[in-house]
N, C-alpha and C. Protein backbone atom coordinates (compact mmCIF):
# COMPACT_ATOMS: atom_id res chain seq x y z
N UNK A 1 1.31 184.11 -59.38
CA UNK A 1 0.67 183.95 -58.11
C UNK A 1 -0.81 184.46 -58.28
N UNK A 2 -1.66 183.70 -57.49
CA UNK A 2 -2.99 184.02 -57.53
C UNK A 2 -3.34 184.78 -56.14
N UNK A 3 -4.44 185.38 -56.03
CA UNK A 3 -4.92 186.16 -54.87
C UNK A 3 -4.67 185.27 -53.57
N UNK A 4 -5.28 184.12 -53.72
CA UNK A 4 -5.26 183.21 -52.37
C UNK A 4 -3.80 182.82 -51.95
N UNK A 5 -2.93 182.89 -52.86
CA UNK A 5 -1.40 182.58 -52.63
C UNK A 5 -0.61 183.72 -51.85
N UNK A 6 -1.19 184.96 -52.26
CA UNK A 6 -0.35 186.15 -51.75
C UNK A 6 -1.14 186.99 -50.75
N UNK A 7 -2.42 186.66 -50.37
CA UNK A 7 -3.31 187.35 -49.57
C UNK A 7 -3.98 186.24 -48.78
N UNK A 8 -4.63 186.58 -47.70
CA UNK A 8 -5.27 185.53 -46.85
C UNK A 8 -6.20 184.67 -47.80
N UNK A 9 -6.12 183.39 -47.81
CA UNK A 9 -5.56 182.53 -46.73
C UNK A 9 -4.06 182.21 -46.85
N UNK A 10 -3.37 182.87 -47.85
CA UNK A 10 -1.86 182.50 -48.05
C UNK A 10 -1.71 181.00 -48.17
N UNK A 11 -2.45 180.44 -49.25
CA UNK A 11 -2.28 178.91 -49.39
C UNK A 11 -1.66 178.62 -50.66
N UNK A 12 -0.50 177.90 -50.65
CA UNK A 12 0.16 177.47 -51.83
C UNK A 12 -0.04 176.05 -51.88
N UNK A 13 -0.89 175.49 -52.76
CA UNK A 13 -1.06 174.19 -53.02
C UNK A 13 -0.20 173.65 -54.12
N UNK A 14 0.12 172.46 -54.11
CA UNK A 14 1.10 171.77 -54.96
C UNK A 14 0.30 171.19 -56.27
N UNK A 15 0.66 171.46 -57.41
CA UNK A 15 -0.09 170.86 -58.52
C UNK A 15 0.12 169.23 -58.52
N UNK A 16 -1.06 168.70 -58.92
CA UNK A 16 -1.03 167.22 -58.97
C UNK A 16 0.12 166.56 -59.76
N UNK A 17 0.52 167.02 -60.80
CA UNK A 17 1.36 166.38 -61.77
C UNK A 17 2.74 166.38 -61.20
N UNK A 18 2.98 167.03 -60.13
CA UNK A 18 4.37 166.77 -59.47
C UNK A 18 4.32 166.17 -58.12
N UNK A 19 3.15 165.65 -57.70
CA UNK A 19 3.09 164.99 -56.33
C UNK A 19 3.97 163.90 -56.23
N UNK A 20 4.20 163.12 -57.35
CA UNK A 20 5.05 161.93 -57.35
C UNK A 20 6.47 162.19 -57.02
N UNK A 21 6.88 163.50 -57.26
CA UNK A 21 8.24 163.88 -57.01
C UNK A 21 8.57 164.26 -55.46
N UNK A 22 7.45 164.33 -54.76
CA UNK A 22 7.51 164.73 -53.31
C UNK A 22 7.00 163.76 -52.39
N UNK A 23 7.49 163.68 -51.20
CA UNK A 23 7.05 162.68 -50.24
C UNK A 23 5.49 162.66 -49.93
N UNK A 24 4.93 161.54 -49.55
CA UNK A 24 3.55 161.45 -49.30
C UNK A 24 3.55 161.52 -47.76
N UNK A 25 4.00 162.48 -47.12
CA UNK A 25 4.01 162.60 -45.66
C UNK A 25 4.10 164.03 -45.21
N UNK A 26 3.85 164.40 -44.00
CA UNK A 26 4.09 165.78 -43.49
C UNK A 26 5.60 165.80 -43.08
N UNK A 27 6.27 166.68 -43.75
CA UNK A 27 7.74 166.79 -43.50
C UNK A 27 8.20 168.24 -43.47
N UNK A 28 9.36 168.58 -42.93
CA UNK A 28 9.91 169.88 -43.12
C UNK A 28 10.29 170.25 -44.46
N UNK A 29 10.16 171.60 -44.80
CA UNK A 29 10.55 171.94 -46.16
C UNK A 29 11.29 173.34 -45.93
N UNK A 30 12.15 173.62 -46.86
CA UNK A 30 12.90 174.85 -46.79
C UNK A 30 12.95 175.52 -48.17
N UNK A 31 12.52 176.84 -48.27
CA UNK A 31 12.53 177.65 -49.39
C UNK A 31 13.76 178.54 -49.14
N UNK A 32 14.64 178.69 -50.30
CA UNK A 32 15.66 179.59 -50.27
C UNK A 32 15.60 180.71 -51.29
N UNK A 33 15.80 181.96 -51.11
CA UNK A 33 15.79 183.01 -51.94
C UNK A 33 16.69 184.04 -51.51
N UNK A 34 17.65 184.48 -52.37
CA UNK A 34 18.63 185.53 -52.17
C UNK A 34 19.31 185.31 -50.77
N UNK A 35 19.88 184.15 -50.63
CA UNK A 35 20.61 183.84 -49.48
C UNK A 35 19.91 183.89 -48.21
N UNK A 36 18.67 183.76 -48.11
CA UNK A 36 17.81 183.71 -46.99
C UNK A 36 17.01 182.50 -47.09
N UNK A 37 16.57 181.86 -46.04
CA UNK A 37 15.73 180.60 -45.97
C UNK A 37 14.45 180.72 -45.09
N UNK A 38 13.45 180.13 -45.47
CA UNK A 38 12.20 180.10 -44.78
C UNK A 38 11.90 178.59 -44.48
N UNK A 39 11.64 178.21 -43.31
CA UNK A 39 11.22 177.02 -42.99
C UNK A 39 9.79 176.88 -42.77
N UNK A 40 9.34 175.56 -43.29
CA UNK A 40 7.85 175.41 -43.09
C UNK A 40 7.71 174.00 -43.19
N UNK A 41 6.36 173.40 -43.16
CA UNK A 41 6.05 172.01 -43.38
C UNK A 41 5.29 171.90 -44.71
N UNK A 42 5.71 170.71 -45.13
CA UNK A 42 4.93 170.39 -46.51
C UNK A 42 3.99 169.21 -46.04
N UNK A 43 2.75 169.43 -46.32
CA UNK A 43 1.68 168.45 -46.04
C UNK A 43 1.43 167.57 -47.33
N UNK A 44 2.23 166.44 -47.36
CA UNK A 44 2.10 165.63 -48.67
C UNK A 44 1.18 164.49 -48.20
N UNK A 45 0.63 164.38 -47.05
CA UNK A 45 -0.24 163.31 -46.51
C UNK A 45 -1.70 163.68 -46.67
N UNK A 46 -2.04 164.79 -47.33
CA UNK A 46 -3.39 165.36 -47.37
C UNK A 46 -3.90 165.17 -48.83
N UNK A 47 -5.27 165.33 -48.97
CA UNK A 47 -5.77 165.40 -50.37
C UNK A 47 -5.25 166.57 -51.13
N UNK A 48 -5.20 167.62 -50.44
CA UNK A 48 -4.64 168.80 -51.09
C UNK A 48 -3.19 169.10 -50.54
N UNK A 49 -2.17 168.72 -51.35
CA UNK A 49 -0.75 168.82 -50.90
C UNK A 49 -0.48 170.24 -50.88
N UNK A 50 0.19 170.73 -49.78
CA UNK A 50 0.37 172.14 -49.66
C UNK A 50 1.48 172.47 -48.60
N UNK A 51 1.98 173.75 -48.52
CA UNK A 51 2.82 174.24 -47.62
C UNK A 51 2.04 174.90 -46.40
N UNK A 52 2.47 174.74 -45.19
CA UNK A 52 1.79 175.36 -44.08
C UNK A 52 1.91 176.90 -44.02
N UNK A 53 1.66 177.51 -42.90
CA UNK A 53 1.66 178.94 -42.81
C UNK A 53 3.06 179.58 -43.01
N UNK A 54 4.16 178.79 -43.01
CA UNK A 54 5.41 179.30 -43.35
C UNK A 54 5.40 179.94 -44.71
N UNK A 55 4.55 179.44 -45.67
CA UNK A 55 4.48 180.04 -46.94
C UNK A 55 4.00 181.56 -46.85
N UNK A 56 3.20 181.91 -45.90
CA UNK A 56 2.74 183.19 -45.73
C UNK A 56 4.05 184.14 -45.42
N UNK A 57 4.90 183.65 -44.59
CA UNK A 57 6.10 184.51 -44.19
C UNK A 57 6.94 184.70 -45.43
N UNK A 58 7.11 183.66 -46.29
CA UNK A 58 7.87 183.78 -47.45
C UNK A 58 7.22 184.86 -48.40
N UNK A 59 5.82 184.65 -48.69
CA UNK A 59 5.18 185.66 -49.53
C UNK A 59 5.17 186.98 -49.03
N UNK A 60 4.99 187.32 -47.79
CA UNK A 60 5.05 188.55 -47.20
C UNK A 60 6.48 189.18 -47.21
N UNK A 61 7.46 188.43 -46.79
CA UNK A 61 8.82 188.92 -46.69
C UNK A 61 9.44 189.21 -48.11
N UNK A 62 8.88 188.63 -49.15
CA UNK A 62 9.33 188.84 -50.51
C UNK A 62 8.32 189.66 -51.24
N UNK A 63 7.41 190.26 -50.67
CA UNK A 63 6.32 191.08 -51.28
C UNK A 63 5.76 190.59 -52.51
N UNK A 64 5.43 189.33 -52.53
CA UNK A 64 4.71 188.71 -53.60
C UNK A 64 3.35 189.24 -53.86
N UNK A 65 3.14 189.52 -55.17
CA UNK A 65 1.84 190.07 -55.72
C UNK A 65 1.19 189.20 -56.64
N UNK A 66 -0.15 189.47 -56.87
CA UNK A 66 -0.83 188.74 -57.93
C UNK A 66 -0.09 188.99 -59.30
N UNK A 67 0.10 187.95 -59.98
CA UNK A 67 0.69 188.22 -61.37
C UNK A 67 2.19 187.80 -61.27
N UNK A 68 2.84 187.85 -60.11
CA UNK A 68 4.16 187.34 -59.98
C UNK A 68 4.27 185.90 -60.25
N UNK A 69 5.38 185.28 -60.36
CA UNK A 69 5.58 183.85 -60.49
C UNK A 69 6.75 183.48 -59.59
N UNK A 70 6.60 182.24 -59.16
CA UNK A 70 7.72 181.66 -58.39
C UNK A 70 8.14 180.35 -59.07
N UNK A 71 9.42 180.22 -59.43
CA UNK A 71 9.88 179.09 -59.88
C UNK A 71 10.66 178.31 -58.70
N UNK A 72 10.09 177.19 -58.37
CA UNK A 72 10.61 176.40 -57.23
C UNK A 72 11.48 175.25 -57.77
N UNK A 73 12.77 175.35 -57.58
CA UNK A 73 13.76 174.18 -58.17
C UNK A 73 14.06 173.25 -56.86
N UNK A 74 13.60 172.04 -57.03
CA UNK A 74 13.89 171.05 -55.95
C UNK A 74 15.40 170.69 -55.93
N UNK A 75 16.03 171.18 -54.91
CA UNK A 75 17.53 170.96 -54.82
C UNK A 75 17.87 169.78 -54.01
N UNK A 76 17.05 169.29 -53.18
CA UNK A 76 17.27 168.13 -52.26
C UNK A 76 15.93 167.47 -51.96
N UNK A 77 15.76 166.36 -52.64
CA UNK A 77 14.31 165.67 -52.35
C UNK A 77 14.33 164.91 -51.19
N UNK A 78 15.42 164.58 -50.56
CA UNK A 78 15.48 163.89 -49.31
C UNK A 78 15.11 164.86 -48.11
N UNK A 79 15.54 166.06 -48.13
CA UNK A 79 15.27 166.99 -47.07
C UNK A 79 14.27 168.12 -47.57
N UNK A 80 13.75 167.95 -48.70
CA UNK A 80 12.73 168.94 -49.33
C UNK A 80 13.28 170.41 -49.32
N UNK A 81 14.32 170.61 -50.04
CA UNK A 81 14.87 171.90 -50.02
C UNK A 81 14.72 172.54 -51.48
N UNK A 82 14.12 173.75 -51.59
CA UNK A 82 13.88 174.28 -52.87
C UNK A 82 14.63 175.62 -53.06
N UNK A 83 15.16 175.92 -54.12
CA UNK A 83 15.74 177.23 -54.40
C UNK A 83 14.66 177.97 -55.19
N UNK A 84 14.39 179.20 -54.88
CA UNK A 84 13.21 179.88 -55.51
C UNK A 84 13.78 181.04 -56.30
N UNK A 85 13.06 181.27 -57.50
CA UNK A 85 13.36 182.37 -58.24
C UNK A 85 11.88 183.17 -58.42
N UNK A 86 11.99 184.49 -58.33
CA UNK A 86 10.75 185.17 -58.32
C UNK A 86 10.84 186.03 -59.64
N UNK A 87 9.71 185.91 -60.48
CA UNK A 87 9.52 186.84 -61.65
C UNK A 87 8.45 187.86 -61.22
N UNK A 88 8.72 189.03 -61.27
CA UNK A 88 7.89 190.07 -60.84
C UNK A 88 6.89 190.48 -61.88
N UNK A 89 5.84 189.63 -62.13
CA UNK A 89 4.85 190.11 -63.07
C UNK A 89 5.30 190.15 -64.58
N UNK A 90 6.58 189.86 -64.72
CA UNK A 90 7.19 189.91 -66.09
C UNK A 90 7.43 188.56 -66.75
N UNK A 91 6.56 187.82 -66.71
CA UNK A 91 6.59 186.47 -67.27
C UNK A 91 6.71 186.56 -68.75
N UNK A 92 7.67 185.87 -69.28
CA UNK A 92 7.98 185.98 -70.78
C UNK A 92 6.71 185.58 -71.67
N UNK A 93 6.57 186.32 -72.69
CA UNK A 93 5.27 186.20 -73.46
C UNK A 93 5.07 184.80 -73.98
N UNK A 94 6.11 184.03 -74.33
CA UNK A 94 5.89 182.63 -74.89
C UNK A 94 5.46 181.64 -73.76
N UNK A 95 5.73 182.05 -72.44
CA UNK A 95 5.24 181.21 -71.38
C UNK A 95 3.79 181.66 -71.07
N UNK A 96 3.54 182.89 -70.96
CA UNK A 96 2.18 183.43 -70.66
C UNK A 96 1.21 183.03 -71.70
N UNK A 97 1.61 183.03 -73.00
CA UNK A 97 0.68 182.50 -74.00
C UNK A 97 0.60 181.08 -74.35
N UNK A 98 1.33 180.27 -73.52
CA UNK A 98 1.29 178.94 -73.72
C UNK A 98 0.14 178.01 -73.16
N UNK A 99 -0.52 178.86 -72.37
CA UNK A 99 -1.80 178.22 -71.73
C UNK A 99 -1.48 177.66 -70.43
N UNK A 100 -0.28 177.68 -69.89
CA UNK A 100 0.17 177.07 -68.60
C UNK A 100 -0.68 177.68 -67.50
N UNK A 101 -1.09 176.89 -66.60
CA UNK A 101 -1.81 177.37 -65.49
C UNK A 101 -1.29 176.69 -64.24
N UNK A 102 -1.98 176.96 -63.03
CA UNK A 102 -1.63 176.30 -61.74
C UNK A 102 -1.69 174.77 -61.96
N UNK A 103 -2.62 174.28 -62.56
CA UNK A 103 -2.74 172.89 -62.76
C UNK A 103 -1.82 172.32 -63.82
N UNK A 104 -1.21 173.05 -64.62
CA UNK A 104 -0.23 172.59 -65.53
C UNK A 104 1.05 173.45 -65.52
N UNK A 105 1.84 173.30 -64.33
CA UNK A 105 2.99 173.99 -64.20
C UNK A 105 4.11 173.67 -65.27
N UNK A 106 4.99 174.55 -65.43
CA UNK A 106 6.07 174.34 -66.39
C UNK A 106 7.05 173.51 -65.66
N UNK A 107 7.49 172.37 -66.28
CA UNK A 107 8.38 171.40 -65.77
C UNK A 107 9.69 171.55 -66.51
N UNK A 108 10.72 171.86 -65.74
CA UNK A 108 12.07 171.98 -66.34
C UNK A 108 12.89 170.83 -65.86
N UNK A 109 13.49 170.08 -66.75
CA UNK A 109 14.19 168.95 -66.34
C UNK A 109 15.73 169.11 -66.62
């Protein structure tokens, strides 16, 4: 997580290389973590695809910090439901050293 994702403006934009997996419309989205859910809107109809202010609630409720990582697993692409795993600044060395960045997220198939 970067500063702008876990502090004001709390903006989580979606990397370009996964845009094709998500709708090109403004639709409801749900993030689930530890048996709790957060509802928000996904703005897939914008130049900068992102979640709305519901992301802020998720980040604050889960005490996300810079250096943490979130793994979002798309569970339902019709209703845009994601299961989230949080890595607390303890990203495995092989991933941290692989050169992955926001623009090149890790894709697990």
